N, C-alpha and C. Protein backbone atom coordinates (compact mmCIF):
# COMPACT_ATOMS: atom_id res chain seq x y z
N UNK A 1 0.88 -1.52 -0.08
CA UNK A 1 -0.06 0.16 -0.02
C UNK A 1 0.76 1.33 0.11
N UNK A 2 0.79 2.49 -1.03
CA UNK A 2 1.15 3.69 -0.87
C UNK A 2 1.37 4.31 0.95
N UNK A 3 2.04 5.03 0.80
CA UNK A 3 2.93 5.38 2.19
C UNK A 3 1.33 6.30 2.23
N UNK A 4 0.96 7.53 1.29
CA UNK A 4 -0.32 8.30 1.02
C UNK A 4 -1.47 7.75 1.63
N UNK A 5 -1.45 6.67 1.37
CA UNK A 5 -2.88 5.50 1.64
C UNK A 5 -3.03 5.03 2.92
N UNK A 6 -1.19 4.92 3.19
CA UNK A 6 -1.05 4.70 4.89
C UNK A 6 -1.33 5.79 5.94
N UNK A 7 -1.20 7.06 5.45
CA UNK A 7 -1.08 7.99 6.09
C UNK A 7 -2.83 8.63 6.22
N UNK A 8 -3.47 8.11 5.14
CA UNK A 8 -4.41 8.50 5.15
C UNK A 8 -5.40 7.75 5.90
N UNK A 9 -5.00 6.61 5.59
CA UNK A 9 -5.82 5.55 7.03
C UNK A 9 -5.45 5.49 8.26
N UNK A 10 -4.15 6.02 8.48
CA UNK A 10 -3.74 5.92 9.87
C UNK A 10 -4.83 7.19 10.49
N UNK A 11 -4.88 8.21 9.81
CA UNK A 11 -5.61 9.76 10.74
C UNK A 11 -6.93 9.62 10.90
N UNK A 12 -7.70 8.71 9.50
CA UNK A 12 -9.17 8.67 9.70
C UNK A 12 -9.52 7.76 10.54
N UNK A 13 -8.70 6.83 11.02
CA UNK A 13 -8.73 6.03 11.95
C UNK A 13 -8.66 6.54 13.56
N UNK A 14 -7.65 7.38 13.56
CA UNK A 14 -7.17 8.51 14.29
C UNK A 14 -8.05 9.10 15.00
N UNK A 15 -8.98 10.31 14.07
CA UNK A 15 -9.53 11.07 14.16
C UNK A 15 -11.12 11.21 13.42
N UNK A 16 -12.02 12.28 13.92
CA UNK A 16 -13.09 12.14 13.47
C UNK A 16 -13.05 13.05 12.06
N UNK A 17 -12.61 13.28 11.16
CA UNK A 17 -11.91 13.63 10.10
C UNK A 17 -13.18 14.04 9.24
N UNK A 18 -13.61 15.22 9.02
CA UNK A 18 -14.23 16.14 8.27
C UNK A 18 -13.95 16.55 6.71
N UNK A 19 -12.48 16.74 7.23
CA UNK A 19 -11.89 17.26 5.44
C UNK A 19 -10.09 16.33 5.47
N UNK A 20 -9.77 15.86 4.69
CA UNK A 20 -8.30 15.38 4.14
C UNK A 20 -7.64 15.07 3.42
N UNK A 21 -6.79 15.85 2.92
CA UNK A 21 -5.69 15.57 1.82
C UNK A 21 -4.19 15.32 2.00
N UNK A 22 -4.03 14.44 1.34
CA UNK A 22 -2.28 13.93 1.29
C UNK A 22 -1.96 13.84 0.06
N UNK A 23 -1.05 14.71 0.22
CA UNK A 23 0.05 15.01 -1.36
C UNK A 23 1.07 14.66 -1.56
N UNK A 24 1.51 13.48 -2.29
CA UNK A 24 2.93 13.45 -2.33
C UNK A 24 3.76 13.88 -3.35
N UNK A 25 4.67 15.12 -2.20
CA UNK A 25 5.16 15.98 -2.86
C UNK A 25 6.85 15.94 -3.08
N UNK A 26 6.97 14.43 -3.20
CA UNK A 26 8.06 14.02 -3.23
C UNK A 26 9.07 14.54 -4.53
N UNK A 27 8.57 14.72 -5.48
CA UNK A 27 8.93 14.72 -7.18
C UNK A 27 9.49 16.36 -6.39
N UNK A 28 9.29 17.56 -6.66
CA UNK A 28 9.24 18.93 -5.90
C UNK A 28 11.08 19.14 -5.62
N UNK A 29 10.86 17.68 -4.42
CA UNK A 29 11.94 17.73 -3.82
C UNK A 29 13.70 17.12 -4.08
N UNK A 30 13.17 16.64 -5.43
CA UNK A 30 14.02 15.60 -6.39
C UNK A 30 15.78 16.32 -6.07
N UNK A 31 16.85 15.53 -5.93
CA UNK A 31 18.17 16.34 -5.50
C UNK A 31 18.11 16.96 -4.47
N UNK A 32 17.14 16.98 -3.69
CA UNK A 32 17.22 17.40 -2.08
C UNK A 32 17.55 16.26 -0.98
N UNK A 33 17.96 16.47 -0.05
CA UNK A 33 18.15 15.44 0.92
C UNK A 33 16.79 14.74 1.66
N UNK A 34 16.82 13.21 1.68
CA UNK A 34 15.77 12.24 1.48
C UNK A 34 14.90 12.27 1.12
N UNK A 35 15.38 12.50 -0.38
CA UNK A 35 14.66 12.16 -1.63
C UNK A 35 15.05 11.10 -1.90
N UNK A 36 14.03 10.09 -2.66
CA UNK A 36 13.54 8.29 -2.79
C UNK A 36 13.51 8.47 -4.25
N UNK A 37 14.57 7.44 -5.41
CA UNK A 37 13.50 7.23 -6.14
C UNK A 37 12.24 6.93 -6.22
N UNK A 38 11.60 7.43 -6.93
CA UNK A 38 9.96 6.65 -6.70
C UNK A 38 9.59 7.29 -5.81
N UNK A 39 9.87 8.06 -5.04
CA UNK A 39 9.03 9.31 -4.38
C UNK A 39 8.80 8.50 -2.66
N UNK A 40 7.97 9.20 -2.60
CA UNK A 40 7.03 9.22 -1.29
C UNK A 40 7.87 8.84 -0.14
N UNK A 41 8.52 10.58 -0.41
CA UNK A 41 9.49 10.79 1.07
C UNK A 41 8.66 11.72 1.67
N UNK A 42 8.23 13.04 0.53
CA UNK A 42 7.75 14.35 1.21
C UNK A 42 6.37 14.15 1.21
N UNK A 43 5.95 14.70 2.09
CA UNK A 43 4.18 14.53 2.10
C UNK A 43 3.70 16.23 2.30
N UNK A 44 2.26 16.30 2.09
CA UNK A 44 1.84 17.83 2.69
C UNK A 44 0.65 17.11 2.94
N UNK A 45 0.01 17.28 4.32
CA UNK A 45 -1.46 16.81 4.45
C UNK A 45 -1.76 18.16 5.64
N UNK A 46 -2.90 18.35 4.71
CA UNK A 46 -4.28 19.25 5.05
C UNK A 46 -5.55 18.63 5.98
N UNK A 47 -5.52 18.64 7.64
CA UNK A 47 -6.51 17.63 7.87
C UNK A 47 -7.73 18.25 8.84
N UNK A 48 -8.79 18.77 8.86
CA UNK A 48 -9.74 19.49 9.33
C UNK A 48 -10.17 18.23 10.54
N UNK A 49 -10.48 18.40 11.18
CA UNK A 49 -11.25 17.65 12.70
C UNK A 49 -11.29 18.24 14.04
N UNK A 50 -12.49 18.11 14.59
CA UNK A 50 -12.68 18.55 15.62
C UNK A 50 -11.88 18.22 16.64
N UNK A 51 -11.20 17.00 16.64
CA UNK A 51 -10.83 16.51 17.58
C UNK A 51 -9.41 17.76 18.06
N UNK A 52 -9.25 18.17 16.97
CA UNK A 52 -8.05 19.31 17.19
C UNK A 52 -8.72 20.79 17.64
N UNK A 53 -9.81 20.90 17.87
CA UNK A 53 -10.08 22.14 18.90
C UNK A 53 -9.77 22.54 20.79
N UNK A 54 -9.19 23.70 20.73
CA UNK A 54 -8.62 24.06 21.89
C UNK A 54 -6.93 23.22 21.82
N UNK A 55 -6.26 22.57 21.08
CA UNK A 55 -5.34 22.28 21.40
C UNK A 55 -3.95 23.41 20.18
N UNK A 56 -2.94 23.37 21.59
CA UNK A 56 -1.76 23.87 20.78
C UNK A 56 -1.37 23.65 19.48
N UNK A 57 -0.64 24.23 18.81
CA UNK A 57 0.12 23.82 17.72
C UNK A 57 0.61 22.25 17.71
N UNK A 58 1.64 22.46 18.84
CA UNK A 58 2.44 21.41 19.04
C UNK A 58 1.92 20.08 19.37
N UNK A 59 0.52 20.47 19.88
CA UNK A 59 -0.14 19.45 20.69
C UNK A 59 -0.72 18.66 19.41
N UNK A 60 -0.79 19.22 18.62
CA UNK A 60 -1.60 19.05 17.12
C UNK A 60 -0.84 17.99 16.68
N UNK A 61 0.42 18.36 16.35
CA UNK A 61 1.44 17.81 15.21
C UNK A 61 1.68 16.88 15.83
N UNK A 62 1.74 16.70 17.74
CA UNK A 62 2.27 15.51 18.30
C UNK A 62 1.01 14.38 18.09
N UNK A 63 -0.26 15.38 17.82
CA UNK A 63 -1.09 14.22 17.92
C UNK A 63 -1.48 13.34 16.65
N UNK A 64 -0.66 13.97 15.11
CA UNK A 64 -0.79 13.61 14.36
C UNK A 64 0.53 12.39 14.14
N UNK A 65 1.71 12.68 14.63
CA UNK A 65 2.56 12.15 14.90
C UNK A 65 1.98 10.47 15.70
N UNK A 66 1.97 10.81 16.64
CA UNK A 66 1.35 9.52 17.23
C UNK A 66 0.16 8.67 16.47
N UNK A 67 -0.61 9.10 16.17
CA UNK A 67 -1.81 8.70 15.71
C UNK A 67 -1.01 8.01 14.10
N UNK A 68 0.10 8.51 13.45
CA UNK A 68 1.06 8.01 12.12
C UNK A 68 1.32 6.85 12.75
N UNK A 69 2.30 6.64 13.50
CA UNK A 69 3.19 5.72 14.62
C UNK A 69 4.97 6.09 14.25
N UNK A 70 5.56 5.68 14.81
CA UNK A 70 7.12 5.75 14.73
C UNK A 70 7.17 5.24 13.38
N UNK A 71 6.52 4.30 12.93
CA UNK A 71 7.43 3.02 11.64
C UNK A 71 6.72 3.97 10.30
N UNK A 72 6.25 4.46 10.69
CA UNK A 72 5.54 5.12 9.35
C UNK A 72 6.11 6.87 9.42
N UNK A 73 6.42 6.99 10.47
CA UNK A 73 6.98 8.62 10.16
C UNK A 73 8.31 8.27 9.96
N UNK A 74 9.13 7.22 10.68
CA UNK A 74 10.64 6.78 10.32
C UNK A 74 10.55 6.82 8.90
N UNK A 75 9.38 6.36 8.03
CA UNK A 75 10.12 6.04 6.43
C UNK A 75 9.41 7.29 5.71
N UNK A 76 8.80 8.13 6.37
CA UNK A 76 9.17 9.76 5.58
C UNK A 76 9.83 10.52 6.09
N UNK A 77 10.06 11.34 5.07
CA UNK A 77 11.32 12.70 5.17
C UNK A 77 11.29 13.85 5.73
N UNK A 78 10.09 13.94 4.97
CA UNK A 78 9.49 15.56 5.34
C UNK A 78 8.01 15.63 5.59
N UNK A 79 7.07 15.79 6.59
CA UNK A 79 5.56 16.10 6.26
C UNK A 79 5.51 17.23 7.18
N UNK A 80 4.56 18.04 6.23
CA UNK A 80 3.98 19.25 6.27
C UNK A 80 2.88 19.72 6.31
N UNK A 81 2.37 19.96 7.90
CA UNK A 81 0.76 19.76 8.11
C UNK A 81 0.06 20.77 8.28
N UNK A 82 -0.88 21.01 8.12
CA UNK A 82 -1.85 21.90 7.96
C UNK A 82 -3.24 21.69 9.05
N UNK A 83 -2.62 22.00 10.12
CA UNK A 83 -4.26 21.31 10.90
C UNK A 83 -5.41 21.97 11.33
N UNK A 84 -6.42 21.79 11.51
CA UNK A 84 -7.65 22.50 11.57
C UNK A 84 -8.55 21.97 12.43
N UNK A 85 -9.37 22.72 13.75
CA UNK A 85 -10.44 22.23 14.19
C UNK A 85 -11.40 22.11 12.88
């Protein structure tokens, strides 16, 4: 299963998602650190879920990282997050 699908599955399982966009932007980072042929190294994620209401920016990021888990996070070089309640 592609990493983008794994990200989406994990986030939908962990949060009451109302909007979610997971985009593999690896090709835009060709030649930069962490790029691997075939992509799946750099991702932009926009997620909207009421679970994030009242949380600080850091707490939101920690919640997303916890939902993805150490194994999945370890296979991603860069993860850009746009998180809203």
